[in-house]
C-alpha atoms as a PDB file:
ATOM      1  CA  UNK A   1      -9.989  13.779  -1.980  1.00  0.00           C
ATOM      2  CA  UNK A   2     -10.157  13.491   1.785  1.00  0.00           C
ATOM      3  CA  UNK A   3      -8.339  15.354   4.488  1.00  0.00           C
ATOM      4  CA  UNK A   4      -6.814  12.737   6.765  1.00  0.00           C
ATOM      5  CA  UNK A   5      -9.110  13.769   9.612  1.00  0.00           C
ATOM      6  CA  UNK A   6     -12.207  13.310   7.422  1.00  0.00           C
ATOM      7  CA  UNK A   7     -11.687   9.543   7.649  1.00  0.00           C
ATOM      8  CA  UNK A   8     -11.924   9.439  11.444  1.00  0.00           C
ATOM      9  CA  UNK A   9     -14.815   7.769  13.262  1.00  0.00           C
ATOM     10  CA  UNK A  10     -15.698   5.550  16.180  1.00  0.00           C
ATOM     11  CA  UNK A  11     -13.666   2.402  16.732  1.00  0.00           C
ATOM     12  CA  UNK A  12     -15.284  -0.570  15.029  1.00  0.00           C
ATOM     13  CA  UNK A  13     -16.470  -3.139  17.563  1.00  0.00           C
ATOM     14  CA  UNK A  14     -14.243  -5.873  16.162  1.00  0.00           C
ATOM     15  CA  UNK A  15     -11.166  -3.612  16.481  1.00  0.00           C
ATOM     16  CA  UNK A  16     -11.702  -2.286  20.011  1.00  0.00           C
ATOM     17  CA  UNK A  17      -8.508  -1.798  22.037  1.00  0.00           C
ATOM     18  CA  UNK A  18      -7.820  -1.581  25.765  1.00  0.00           C
ATOM     19  CA  UNK A  19      -7.531   2.209  26.051  1.00  0.00           C
ATOM     20  CA  UNK A  20      -6.268   2.105  29.639  1.00  0.00           C
ATOM     21  CA  UNK A  21      -3.467  -0.322  28.750  1.00  0.00           C
ATOM     22  CA  UNK A  22      -2.569   1.717  25.682  1.00  0.00           C
ATOM     23  CA  UNK A  23      -2.515   4.901  27.767  1.00  0.00           C
ATOM     24  CA  UNK A  24      -0.014   3.295  30.127  1.00  0.00           C
ATOM     25  CA  UNK A  25       2.117   2.181  27.194  1.00  0.00           C
ATOM     26  CA  UNK A  26       2.143   5.681  25.679  1.00  0.00           C
ATOM     27  CA  UNK A  27       3.162   7.274  28.976  1.00  0.00           C
ATOM     28  CA  UNK A  28       6.099   4.872  29.186  1.00  0.00           C
ATOM     29  CA  UNK A  29       7.275   4.993  25.561  1.00  0.00           C
ATOM     30  CA  UNK A  30       6.345   8.345  23.978  1.00  0.00           C
ATOM     31  CA  UNK A  31       8.421  11.358  24.946  1.00  0.00           C
ATOM     32  CA  UNK A  32       6.238  14.138  26.310  1.00  0.00           C
ATOM     33  CA  UNK A  33       3.047  12.078  26.431  1.00  0.00           C
ATOM     34  CA  UNK A  34       0.954  13.157  29.436  1.00  0.00           C
ATOM     35  CA  UNK A  35      -2.514  11.676  28.866  1.00  0.00           C
ATOM     36  CA  UNK A  36      -5.247  10.818  29.252  1.00  0.00           C
ATOM     37  CA  UNK A  37      -5.548   9.171  25.861  1.00  0.00           C
ATOM     38  CA  UNK A  38      -8.473   9.182  23.436  1.00  0.00           C
ATOM     39  CA  UNK A  39      -8.732   6.731  20.523  1.00  0.00           C
ATOM     40  CA  UNK A  40     -10.595   6.986  17.206  1.00  0.00           C
ATOM     41  CA  UNK A  41     -10.277   4.888  14.056  1.00  0.00           C
ATOM     42  CA  UNK A  42      -9.422   5.736  10.460  1.00  0.00           C
ATOM     43  CA  UNK A  43     -12.177   4.243   8.319  1.00  0.00           C
ATOM     44  CA  UNK A  44     -11.826   2.829   4.827  1.00  0.00           C
ATOM     45  CA  UNK A  45      -8.962   0.340   5.113  1.00  0.00           C
ATOM     46  CA  UNK A  46      -9.416  -3.419   4.972  1.00  0.00           C
ATOM     47  CA  UNK A  47      -5.954  -4.563   6.030  1.00  0.00           C
ATOM     48  CA  UNK A  48      -4.183  -3.306   9.164  1.00  0.00           C
ATOM     49  CA  UNK A  49      -6.508  -1.301  11.463  1.00  0.00           C
ATOM     50  CA  UNK A  50      -5.272   2.266  11.940  1.00  0.00           C
ATOM     51  CA  UNK A  51      -6.158   4.588  14.809  1.00  0.00           C
ATOM     52  CA  UNK A  52      -5.832   8.258  15.741  1.00  0.00           C
ATOM     53  CA  UNK A  53      -4.458   8.702  19.255  1.00  0.00           C
ATOM     54  CA  UNK A  54      -4.799  12.053  20.982  1.00  0.00           C
ATOM     55  CA  UNK A  55      -2.987  13.161  24.119  1.00  0.00           C
ATOM     56  CA  UNK A  56      -5.740  15.320  25.589  1.00  0.00           C
ATOM     57  CA  UNK A  57      -3.310  17.183  27.857  1.00  0.00           C
ATOM     58  CA  UNK A  58      -1.109  18.459  25.033  1.00  0.00           C
ATOM     59  CA  UNK A  59      -3.497  17.925  22.028  1.00  0.00           C
ATOM     60  CA  UNK A  60      -0.624  16.078  20.330  1.00  0.00           C
ATOM     61  CA  UNK A  61      -1.912  13.505  17.845  1.00  0.00           C
ATOM     62  CA  UNK A  62      -0.369  10.198  16.876  1.00  0.00           C
ATOM     63  CA  UNK A  63      -1.249   7.338  14.540  1.00  0.00           C
ATOM     64  CA  UNK A  64      -1.229   3.702  15.663  1.00  0.00           C
ATOM     65  CA  UNK A  65      -1.274   0.844  13.175  1.00  0.00           C
ATOM     66  CA  UNK A  66      -1.792  -2.737  14.317  1.00  0.00           C
ATOM     67  CA  UNK A  67      -2.428  -6.220  13.082  1.00  0.00           C
ATOM     68  CA  UNK A  68      -6.129  -7.157  12.903  1.00  0.00           C
ATOM     69  CA  UNK A  69      -7.565  -9.690  15.336  1.00  0.00           C
ATOM     70  CA  UNK A  70      -8.251 -13.295  14.467  1.00  0.00           C
ATOM     71  CA  UNK A  71      -6.465 -15.926  12.389  1.00  0.00           C
ATOM     72  CA  UNK A  72      -4.211 -14.354   9.736  1.00  0.00           C
ATOM     73  CA  UNK A  73      -2.837 -15.684   6.462  1.00  0.00           C
ATOM     74  CA  UNK A  74       0.865 -16.479   6.468  1.00  0.00           C
ATOM     75  CA  UNK A  75       3.049 -13.373   5.894  1.00  0.00           C
ATOM     76  CA  UNK A  76       0.004 -11.076   5.748  1.00  0.00           C
ATOM     77  CA  UNK A  77      -0.513  -7.909   7.868  1.00  0.00           C
ATOM     78  CA  UNK A  78       3.221  -7.477   8.456  1.00  0.00           C
ATOM     79  CA  UNK A  79       3.226  -4.363  10.641  1.00  0.00           C
ATOM     80  CA  UNK A  80       6.728  -5.253  11.805  1.00  0.00           C
ATOM     81  CA  UNK A  81       8.002  -4.875   8.250  1.00  0.00           C
ATOM     82  CA  UNK A  82       6.145  -1.575   7.864  1.00  0.00           C
ATOM     83  CA  UNK A  83       7.813  -0.221  10.979  1.00  0.00           C
ATOM     84  CA  UNK A  84      11.251  -1.492  10.028  1.00  0.00           C
ATOM     85  CA  UNK A  85      11.299  -0.131   6.469  1.00  0.00           C
ATOM     86  CA  UNK A  86       9.941   3.304   7.403  1.00  0.00           C
ATOM     87  CA  UNK A  87      12.419   3.607  10.253  1.00  0.00           C
ATOM     88  CA  UNK A  88      15.249   2.685   7.855  1.00  0.00           C
ATOM     89  CA  UNK A  89      14.084   5.191   5.219  1.00  0.00           C
ATOM     90  CA  UNK A  90      13.760   8.051   7.692  1.00  0.00           C
ATOM     91  CA  UNK A  91      17.212   9.549   6.939  1.00  0.00           C
ATOM     92  CA  UNK A  92      16.758   9.285   3.128  1.00  0.00           C
ATOM     93  CA  UNK A  93      14.914  11.547   0.686  1.00  0.00           C
ATOM     94  CA  UNK A  94      11.913   9.184   0.663  1.00  0.00           C
ATOM     95  CA  UNK A  95       9.089  10.969   2.537  1.00  0.00           C
ATOM     96  CA  UNK A  96       7.969   8.723   5.412  1.00  0.00           C
ATOM     97  CA  UNK A  97       6.631   9.488   8.909  1.00  0.00           C
ATOM     98  CA  UNK A  98       9.027   9.175  11.845  1.00  0.00           C
ATOM     99  CA  UNK A  99       8.717   5.926  13.770  1.00  0.00           C
ATOM    100  CA  UNK A 100       8.134   6.596  17.480  1.00  0.00           C
ATOM    101  CA  UNK A 101       7.472   3.207  19.066  1.00  0.00           C
ATOM    102  CA  UNK A 102       7.212  -0.490  18.215  1.00  0.00           C
ATOM    103  CA  UNK A 103       5.433  -3.072  20.368  1.00  0.00           C
ATOM    104  CA  UNK A 104       5.827  -6.652  19.227  1.00  0.00           C
ATOM    105  CA  UNK A 105       3.930  -8.048  22.213  1.00  0.00           C
ATOM    106  CA  UNK A 106       0.261  -8.957  21.869  1.00  0.00           C
ATOM    107  CA  UNK A 107      -0.375  -8.407  25.573  1.00  0.00           C
ATOM    108  CA  UNK A 108      -0.896  -4.621  25.448  1.00  0.00           C
ATOM    109  CA  UNK A 109      -3.815  -4.317  22.993  1.00  0.00           C
ATOM    110  CA  UNK A 110      -4.159  -7.824  21.584  1.00  0.00           C
ATOM    111  CA  UNK A 111      -1.824  -7.667  18.558  1.00  0.00           C
ATOM    112  CA  UNK A 112       1.561  -6.061  17.684  1.00  0.00           C
ATOM    113  CA  UNK A 113       1.505  -2.376  16.717  1.00  0.00           C
ATOM    114  CA  UNK A 114       3.598   0.694  16.059  1.00  0.00           C
ATOM    115  CA  UNK A 115       3.089   4.423  16.651  1.00  0.00           C
ATOM    116  CA  UNK A 116       4.069   7.366  14.450  1.00  0.00           C
ATOM    117  CA  UNK A 117       3.242  11.088  14.452  1.00  0.00           C
ATOM    118  CA  UNK A 118       0.018  12.275  12.839  1.00  0.00           C
ATOM    119  CA  UNK A 119       0.784  13.937   9.486  1.00  0.00           C
ATOM    120  CA  UNK A 120      -1.732  16.443   8.104  1.00  0.00           C
ATOM    121  CA  UNK A 121      -2.428  16.245   4.406  1.00  0.00           C
ATOM    122  CA  UNK A 122      -4.630  15.087   1.550  1.00  0.00           C
ATOM    123  CA  UNK A 123      -5.206  11.512   0.376  1.00  0.00           C
ATOM    124  CA  UNK A 124      -6.898  10.745  -2.941  1.00  0.00           C
ATOM    125  CA  UNK A 125      -8.889   7.558  -3.461  1.00  0.00           C
ATOM    126  CA  UNK A 126      -9.459   8.398  -7.129  1.00  0.00           C
ATOM    127  CA  UNK A 127      -6.646   8.877  -9.642  1.00  0.00           C
ATOM    128  CA  UNK A 128      -8.479  11.851 -11.176  1.00  0.00           C
ATOM    129  CA  UNK A 129      -7.277  14.157  -8.329  1.00  0.00           C
ATOM    130  CA  UNK A 130     -10.515  16.053  -8.885  1.00  0.00           C
ATOM    131  CA  UNK A 131      -9.859  19.218  -6.841  1.00  0.00           C
ATOM    132  CA  UNK A 132      -6.484  19.980  -8.473  1.00  0.00           C
ATOM    133  CA  UNK A 133      -5.881  22.283 -11.426  1.00  0.00           C
ATOM    134  CA  UNK A 134      -4.414  20.714 -14.618  1.00  0.00           C
ATOM    135  CA  UNK A 135      -0.907  22.079 -13.881  1.00  0.00           C
ATOM    136  CA  UNK A 136      -1.076  20.750 -10.322  1.00  0.00           C
ATOM    137  CA  UNK A 137      -2.272  17.352 -11.560  1.00  0.00           C
ATOM    138  CA  UNK A 138       0.664  17.140 -13.935  1.00  0.00           C
ATOM    139  CA  UNK A 139       3.007  18.115 -11.110  1.00  0.00           C
ATOM    140  CA  UNK A 140       1.370  15.540  -8.820  1.00  0.00           C
ATOM    141  CA  UNK A 141       1.863  12.732 -11.316  1.00  0.00           C
ATOM    142  CA  UNK A 142       5.447  13.791 -11.834  1.00  0.00           C
ATOM    143  CA  UNK A 143       5.806  13.510  -8.048  1.00  0.00           C
ATOM    144  CA  UNK A 144       4.289  10.022  -8.128  1.00  0.00           C
ATOM    145  CA  UNK A 145       6.988   8.959 -10.605  1.00  0.00           C
ATOM    146  CA  UNK A 146       9.887  10.770  -8.942  1.00  0.00           C
ATOM    147  CA  UNK A 147       9.130   9.556  -5.410  1.00  0.00           C
ATOM    148  CA  UNK A 148       8.821   5.989  -6.692  1.00  0.00           C
ATOM    149  CA  UNK A 149      12.220   6.339  -8.367  1.00  0.00           C
ATOM    150  CA  UNK A 150      13.652   7.656  -5.082  1.00  0.00           C
ATOM    151  CA  UNK A 151      12.429   4.558  -3.256  1.00  0.00           C
ATOM    152  CA  UNK A 152      14.065   2.332  -5.843  1.00  0.00           C
ATOM    153  CA  UNK A 153      17.324   4.310  -5.714  1.00  0.00           C
ATOM    154  CA  UNK A 154      17.925   3.597  -2.010  1.00  0.00           C
ATOM    155  CA  UNK A 155      20.685   1.054  -1.394  1.00  0.00           C
ATOM    156  CA  UNK A 156      19.088  -1.512   0.960  1.00  0.00           C
ATOM    157  CA  UNK A 157      22.416  -2.367   2.628  1.00  0.00           C
ATOM    158  CA  UNK A 158      23.196   1.299   3.289  1.00  0.00           C
ATOM    159  CA  UNK A 159      20.025   1.699   5.378  1.00  0.00           C
ATOM    160  CA  UNK A 160      20.201  -1.635   7.204  1.00  0.00           C
ATOM    161  CA  UNK A 161      17.825  -3.552   4.932  1.00  0.00           C
ATOM    162  CA  UNK A 162      20.258  -5.972   3.270  1.00  0.00           C
ATOM    163  CA  UNK A 163      18.283  -8.874   4.759  1.00  0.00           C
ATOM    164  CA  UNK A 164      14.821  -7.371   4.069  1.00  0.00           C
ATOM    165  CA  UNK A 165      14.362  -9.742   1.135  1.00  0.00           C
ATOM    166  CA  UNK A 166      16.346 -11.948  -1.203  1.00  0.00           C
ATOM    167  CA  UNK A 167      18.042 -10.493  -4.269  1.00  0.00           C
ATOM    168  CA  UNK A 168      17.036 -12.265  -7.465  1.00  0.00           C
ATOM    169  CA  UNK A 169      14.146 -14.630  -8.094  1.00  0.00           C
ATOM    170  CA  UNK A 170      11.603 -12.023  -7.008  1.00  0.00           C
ATOM    171  CA  UNK A 171       8.823 -12.860  -9.437  1.00  0.00           C
ATOM    172  CA  UNK A 172       9.274 -16.605  -8.958  1.00  0.00           C
ATOM    173  CA  UNK A 173       8.753 -16.181  -5.218  1.00  0.00           C
ATOM    174  CA  UNK A 174       5.915 -13.712  -5.676  1.00  0.00           C
ATOM    175  CA  UNK A 175       3.942 -15.922  -8.051  1.00  0.00           C
ATOM    176  CA  UNK A 176       4.334 -18.797  -5.585  1.00  0.00           C
ATOM    177  CA  UNK A 177       3.380 -16.611  -2.602  1.00  0.00           C
ATOM    178  CA  UNK A 178       0.212 -15.166  -4.117  1.00  0.00           C
ATOM    179  CA  UNK A 179      -0.770 -18.584  -5.440  1.00  0.00           C
ATOM    180  CA  UNK A 180      -0.551 -19.953  -1.886  1.00  0.00           C
ATOM    181  CA  UNK A 181      -2.445 -16.990  -0.448  1.00  0.00           C
ATOM    182  CA  UNK A 182      -5.175 -17.323  -3.049  1.00  0.00           C
ATOM    183  CA  UNK A 183      -5.602 -21.036  -2.449  1.00  0.00           C
ATOM    184  CA  UNK A 184      -5.610 -20.590   1.327  1.00  0.00           C
ATOM    185  CA  UNK A 185      -8.456 -18.052   1.037  1.00  0.00           C
ATOM    186  CA  UNK A 186     -10.377 -19.588  -1.878  1.00  0.00           C
ATOM    187  CA  UNK A 187     -14.162 -19.546  -1.531  1.00  0.00           C
ATOM    188  CA  UNK A 188     -15.114 -20.372  -5.129  1.00  0.00           C
ATOM    189  CA  UNK A 189     -13.586 -21.597  -8.372  1.00  0.00           C
ATOM    190  CA  UNK A 190     -12.149 -18.779 -10.531  1.00  0.00           C
ATOM    191  CA  UNK A 191     -11.017 -20.281 -13.861  1.00  0.00           C
ATOM    192  CA  UNK A 192      -8.908 -17.247 -14.781  1.00  0.00           C
ATOM    193  CA  UNK A 193      -6.851 -17.690 -11.611  1.00  0.00           C
ATOM    194  CA  UNK A 194      -6.177 -21.298 -12.506  1.00  0.00           C
ATOM    195  CA  UNK A 195      -4.989 -20.204 -15.968  1.00  0.00           C
ATOM    196  CA  UNK A 196      -2.742 -17.523 -14.484  1.00  0.00           C
ATOM    197  CA  UNK A 197      -1.217 -19.926 -11.962  1.00  0.00           C
ATOM    198  CA  UNK A 198      -0.324 -22.196 -14.887  1.00  0.00           C
ATOM    199  CA  UNK A 199       0.939 -19.479 -17.255  1.00  0.00           C
ATOM    200  CA  UNK A 200       2.741 -16.874 -15.154  1.00  0.00           C
ATOM    201  CA  UNK A 201       5.824 -18.945 -14.185  1.00  0.00           C
ATOM    202  CA  UNK A 202       6.795 -19.397 -17.839  1.00  0.00           C
ATOM    203  CA  UNK A 203       6.561 -15.638 -18.513  1.00  0.00           C
ATOM    204  CA  UNK A 204       8.834 -14.484 -15.679  1.00  0.00           C
ATOM    205  CA  UNK A 205      11.642 -12.252 -17.067  1.00  0.00           C
ATOM    206  CA  UNK A 206      15.066 -13.848 -17.016  1.00  0.00           C
ATOM    207  CA  UNK A 207      16.706 -10.799 -15.444  1.00  0.00           C
ATOM    208  CA  UNK A 208      15.647  -7.874 -13.321  1.00  0.00           C
ATOM    209  CA  UNK A 209      16.915  -5.304 -10.853  1.00  0.00           C
ATOM    210  CA  UNK A 210      16.651  -5.798  -7.097  1.00  0.00           C
ATOM    211  CA  UNK A 211      15.672  -2.750  -5.052  1.00  0.00           C
ATOM    212  CA  UNK A 212      13.421  -1.835  -2.163  1.00  0.00           C
ATOM    213  CA  UNK A 213       9.855  -2.115  -3.462  1.00  0.00           C
ATOM    214  CA  UNK A 214       6.829  -0.630  -1.728  1.00  0.00           C
ATOM    215  CA  UNK A 215       4.426  -3.347  -2.849  1.00  0.00           C
ATOM    216  CA  UNK A 216       1.265  -1.191  -2.731  1.00  0.00           C
ATOM    217  CA  UNK A 217       2.322   2.025  -4.457  1.00  0.00           C
ATOM    218  CA  UNK A 218      -0.822   3.906  -5.514  1.00  0.00           C
ATOM    219  CA  UNK A 219      -2.302   7.326  -4.935  1.00  0.00           C
ATOM    220  CA  UNK A 220      -4.372   6.186  -1.928  1.00  0.00           C
ATOM    221  CA  UNK A 221      -1.162   5.374  -0.035  1.00  0.00           C
ATOM    222  CA  UNK A 222       0.497   8.688  -0.855  1.00  0.00           C
ATOM    223  CA  UNK A 223      -0.246  11.831   1.146  1.00  0.00           C
ATOM    224  CA  UNK A 224      -0.020  15.288  -0.379  1.00  0.00           C
ATOM    225  CA  UNK A 225       0.645  18.499   1.511  1.00  0.00           C
ATOM    226  CA  UNK A 226      -2.571  20.336   2.504  1.00  0.00           C
ATOM    227  CA  UNK A 227      -2.242  22.975  -0.222  1.00  0.00           C
ATOM    228  CA  UNK A 228       0.407  21.865  -2.740  1.00  0.00           C
ATOM    229  CA  UNK A 229       1.017  18.962  -5.183  1.00  0.00           C
ATOM    230  CA  UNK A 230       3.888  17.751  -3.033  1.00  0.00           C
ATOM    231  CA  UNK A 231       4.026  14.270  -1.458  1.00  0.00           C
ATOM    232  CA  UNK A 232       4.712  14.488   2.276  1.00  0.00           C
ATOM    233  CA  UNK A 233       4.338  10.812   3.222  1.00  0.00           C
ATOM    234  CA  UNK A 234       4.408   7.378   1.608  1.00  0.00           C
ATOM    235  CA  UNK A 235       2.254   5.086   3.756  1.00  0.00           C
ATOM    236  CA  UNK A 236       1.152   1.435   4.080  1.00  0.00           C
ATOM    237  CA  UNK A 237       4.424  -0.467   3.589  1.00  0.00           C
ATOM    238  CA  UNK A 238       3.118  -3.858   4.723  1.00  0.00           C
ATOM    239  CA  UNK A 239       3.927  -5.518   1.365  1.00  0.00           C
ATOM    240  CA  UNK A 240       7.382  -3.976   1.016  1.00  0.00           C
ATOM    241  CA  UNK A 241      10.382  -6.185   0.292  1.00  0.00           C
ATOM    242  CA  UNK A 242      13.450  -6.436  -1.931  1.00  0.00           C
ATOM    243  CA  UNK A 243      12.327  -7.068  -5.474  1.00  0.00           C
ATOM    244  CA  UNK A 244      11.868  -5.926  -9.041  1.00  0.00           C
ATOM    245  CA  UNK A 245      11.062  -2.182  -9.079  1.00  0.00           C
ATOM    246  CA  UNK A 246       8.948  -2.589 -12.202  1.00  0.00           C
ATOM    247  CA  UNK A 247       6.386  -4.408 -10.062  1.00  0.00           C
ATOM    248  CA  UNK A 248       5.694  -1.100  -8.272  1.00  0.00           C
ATOM    249  CA  UNK A 249       5.508   0.834 -11.525  1.00  0.00           C
ATOM    250  CA  UNK A 250       3.091  -1.626 -13.137  1.00  0.00           C
ATOM    251  CA  UNK A 251       0.910  -1.704 -10.038  1.00  0.00           C
ATOM    252  CA  UNK A 252       0.563   2.083 -10.082  1.00  0.00           C
ATOM    253  CA  UNK A 253      -0.302   2.022 -13.793  1.00  0.00           C
ATOM    254  CA  UNK A 254      -3.138  -0.501 -13.409  1.00  0.00           C
ATOM    255  CA  UNK A 255      -5.773   2.237 -13.235  1.00  0.00           C
ATOM    256  CA  UNK A 256      -5.211   2.827 -16.945  1.00  0.00           C
ATOM    257  CA  UNK A 257      -6.580  -0.687 -17.515  1.00  0.00           C
ATOM    258  CA  UNK A 258      -8.826  -1.490 -14.511  1.00  0.00           C
ATOM    259  CA  UNK A 259     -12.189   0.133 -15.072  1.00  0.00           C
ATOM    260  CA  UNK A 260     -13.610  -0.645 -11.611  1.00  0.00           C
ATOM    261  CA  UNK A 261     -15.455   2.023  -9.632  1.00  0.00           C
ATOM    262  CA  UNK A 262     -13.774   0.926  -6.403  1.00  0.00           C
ATOM    263  CA  UNK A 263     -10.261   1.289  -7.877  1.00  0.00           C
ATOM    264  CA  UNK A 264     -10.440   4.197 -10.270  1.00  0.00           C
ATOM    265  CA  UNK A 265     -10.571   4.194 -14.045  1.00  0.00           C
ATOM    266  CA  UNK A 266      -9.005   6.068 -16.914  1.00  0.00           C
ATOM    267  CA  UNK A 267     -12.017   5.407 -19.142  1.00  0.00           C
ATOM    268  CA  UNK A 268     -13.485   8.890 -18.630  1.00  0.00           C
ATOM    269  CA  UNK A 269     -10.231  10.874 -18.416  1.00  0.00           C
ATOM    270  CA  UNK A 270      -9.626  13.637 -20.933  1.00  0.00           C
ATOM    271  CA  UNK A 271      -5.837  13.526 -20.663  1.00  0.00           C
ATOM    272  CA  UNK A 272      -5.190  16.759 -22.528  1.00  0.00           C
ATOM    273  CA  UNK A 273      -7.731  18.766 -20.534  1.00  0.00           C
ATOM    274  CA  UNK A 274      -6.960  17.360 -17.071  1.00  0.00           C
ATOM    275  CA  UNK A 275      -3.164  17.334 -17.101  1.00  0.00           C
ATOM    276  CA  UNK A 276      -3.109  13.626 -16.189  1.00  0.00           C
ATOM    277  CA  UNK A 277      -0.377  11.883 -18.216  1.00  0.00           C
ATOM    278  CA  UNK A 278      -1.129   8.890 -20.397  1.00  0.00           C
ATOM    279  CA  UNK A 279       0.415   5.635 -19.242  1.00  0.00           C
ATOM    280  CA  UNK A 280       3.346   5.850 -21.684  1.00  0.00           C
ATOM    281  CA  UNK A 281       4.107   9.404 -20.553  1.00  0.00           C
ATOM    282  CA  UNK A 282       4.047   8.438 -16.877  1.00  0.00           C
ATOM    283  CA  UNK A 283       6.293   5.440 -17.523  1.00  0.00           C
ATOM    284  CA  UNK A 284       8.672   7.755 -19.396  1.00  0.00           C
ATOM    285  CA  UNK A 285       8.732  10.135 -16.391  1.00  0.00           C
ATOM    286  CA  UNK A 286       9.645   7.239 -14.122  1.00  0.00           C
ATOM    287  CA  UNK A 287      12.301   5.918 -16.486  1.00  0.00           C
ATOM    288  CA  UNK A 288      13.873   9.387 -16.728  1.00  0.00           C
ATOM    289  CA  UNK A 289      13.978   9.698 -12.919  1.00  0.00           C
ATOM    290  CA  UNK A 290      15.269   6.137 -12.485  1.00  0.00           C
ATOM    291  CA  UNK A 291      17.795   6.251 -15.306  1.00  0.00           C
ATOM    292  CA  UNK A 292      16.181   3.451 -17.345  1.00  0.00           C
ATOM    293  CA  UNK A 293      16.293   3.252 -21.138  1.00  0.00           C
ATOM    294  CA  UNK A 294      13.603   0.641 -21.840  1.00  0.00           C
ATOM    295  CA  UNK A 295      11.277  -1.926 -20.246  1.00  0.00           C
ATOM    296  CA  UNK A 296      11.022  -5.488 -21.540  1.00  0.00           C
ATOM    297  CA  UNK A 297       7.693  -7.391 -21.536  1.00  0.00           C
ATOM    298  CA  UNK A 298       5.619  -4.657 -19.916  1.00  0.00           C
ATOM    299  CA  UNK A 299       2.567  -6.904 -20.400  1.00  0.00           C
ATOM    300  CA  UNK A 300       3.983  -9.427 -17.928  1.00  0.00           C
ATOM    301  CA  UNK A 301       4.483  -6.802 -15.222  1.00  0.00           C
ATOM    302  CA  UNK A 302       0.922  -5.503 -15.668  1.00  0.00           C
ATOM    303  CA  UNK A 303      -0.552  -9.005 -15.739  1.00  0.00           C
ATOM    304  CA  UNK A 304       1.267 -10.012 -12.567  1.00  0.00           C
ATOM    305  CA  UNK A 305       0.092  -6.814 -10.817  1.00  0.00           C
ATOM    306  CA  UNK A 306      -3.546  -7.693 -11.541  1.00  0.00           C
ATOM    307  CA  UNK A 307      -2.991 -11.345 -10.545  1.00  0.00           C
ATOM    308  CA  UNK A 308      -1.596 -10.261  -7.189  1.00  0.00           C
ATOM    309  CA  UNK A 309      -4.590  -7.975  -6.631  1.00  0.00           C
ATOM    310  CA  UNK A 310      -6.908 -10.883  -7.380  1.00  0.00           C
ATOM    311  CA  UNK A 311      -5.198 -12.885  -4.634  1.00  0.00           C
ATOM    312  CA  UNK A 312      -5.380  -9.953  -2.206  1.00  0.00           C
ATOM    313  CA  UNK A 313      -9.063  -9.389  -3.035  1.00  0.00           C
ATOM    314  CA  UNK A 314      -9.762 -13.059  -2.355  1.00  0.00           C
ATOM    315  CA  UNK A 315      -8.087 -12.773   1.043  1.00  0.00           C
ATOM    316  CA  UNK A 316     -10.152  -9.694   1.925  1.00  0.00           C
ATOM    317  CA  UNK A 317     -13.326 -11.462   0.804  1.00  0.00           C
ATOM    318  CA  UNK A 318     -12.510 -14.433   3.033  1.00  0.00           C
ATOM    319  CA  UNK A 319     -11.916 -12.090   5.994  1.00  0.00           C
ATOM    320  CA  UNK A 320     -15.305 -10.445   5.344  1.00  0.00           C
ATOM    321  CA  UNK A 321     -16.949 -13.856   5.401  1.00  0.00           C
ATOM    322  CA  UNK A 322     -15.346 -14.671   8.734  1.00  0.00           C
ATOM    323  CA  UNK A 323     -16.263 -11.271  10.224  1.00  0.00           C
ATOM    324  CA  UNK A 324     -12.670 -10.015  10.521  1.00  0.00           C
ATOM    325  CA  UNK A 325     -13.254  -7.174   8.027  1.00  0.00           C
ATOM    326  CA  UNK A 326     -16.174  -5.054   6.905  1.00  0.00           C
ATOM    327  CA  UNK A 327     -17.724  -5.566   3.484  1.00  0.00           C
ATOM    328  CA  UNK A 328     -16.949  -2.290   1.708  1.00  0.00           C
ATOM    329  CA  UNK A 329     -17.319  -3.355  -1.895  1.00  0.00           C
ATOM    330  CA  UNK A 330     -19.976  -6.039  -2.056  1.00  0.00           C
ATOM    331  CA  UNK A 331     -19.181  -9.013  -4.302  1.00  0.00           C
ATOM    332  CA  UNK A 332     -15.771 -10.652  -4.414  1.00  0.00           C
ATOM    333  CA  UNK A 333     -13.639  -8.662  -6.891  1.00  0.00           C
ATOM    334  CA  UNK A 334     -11.019 -11.402  -7.279  1.00  0.00           C
ATOM    335  CA  UNK A 335     -12.768 -12.731 -10.392  1.00  0.00           C
ATOM    336  CA  UNK A 336     -12.663  -9.308 -12.119  1.00  0.00           C
ATOM    337  CA  UNK A 337      -8.967  -8.829 -11.313  1.00  0.00           C
ATOM    338  CA  UNK A 338      -8.126 -12.330 -12.547  1.00  0.00           C
ATOM    339  CA  UNK A 339      -9.980 -11.766 -15.834  1.00  0.00           C
ATOM    340  CA  UNK A 340      -8.117  -8.471 -16.285  1.00  0.00           C
ATOM    341  CA  UNK A 341      -4.777 -10.174 -15.536  1.00  0.00           C
ATOM    342  CA  UNK A 342      -5.370 -12.663 -18.330  1.00  0.00           C
ATOM    343  CA  UNK A 343      -6.185  -9.872 -20.798  1.00  0.00           C
ATOM    344  CA  UNK A 344      -3.102  -7.872 -19.791  1.00  0.00           C
ATOM    345  CA  UNK A 345      -0.824 -10.893 -20.005  1.00  0.00           C
ATOM    346  CA  UNK A 346      -2.071 -11.485 -23.532  1.00  0.00           C
ATOM    347  CA  UNK A 347      -1.100  -7.891 -24.372  1.00  0.00           C
END
């Protein structure tokens, strides 16, 4: 577990921003901002650089999230979509930070960005939630399921997101998208990815619901209150769209199958002693909150989730090679995710 401020450090050289220009922007667009501005960076992310802004006159803190520098893959690092969906969800019962400012111009600090308030809380990289008691862990996992169901219950049209994605055909588009992204970032031959690209289209379910989907729903993107198992913010919406809600559920459940130290693993969990629910119990909690009776071809949803992560991992690896991201995890993990996807698809 880390307090949000524990992840703060100096701005990485490749992500440096024009502090003077950003100070001027904040004075013009943030109510009550007096300046001068100080800037630090949240460490640990490999996608959209995220910064802590502090108004030294008032000690008010803000968070800025921006696109990374350099050439970007098509449709990746969509900070505009993050801003739009969180702004739309603000009036709902989905816990998201307020959106304070959006700048779509690259001229201020080099790439588009948005600003939101700083929210104090706890973020867990590991699914074990090590510092919680067993009752709090059970409550936390119930929150994971209930908040996900709340996201999926929002009517996109009612919050201005009718055009946020296309209804129907979600998995067909997603398989095609992540195939393109993988091929655009390929640095080596991964036979399992080739098999998945051939097999996944034929396994796509014939029907499915269309809701708002987060796209990266996992414990590391969910912030708990400082002293309670209560989610106060759902973060990192860059992959959000309109799609099949079971894609979010399967993605969250991958830790039960993915025994990677950088992702978290259920291999060492004593479910009864820790209060962490088994996969079937968690899925049942979600289904109860979402009003679902059953899930067809769960293996497909899990296999696709791992396939998509393989494509994402390949993109991160390519960005490390080009110097646009730091190497946090060593070797390319795309091969491991692809091998897991094949096993999951086979049930």
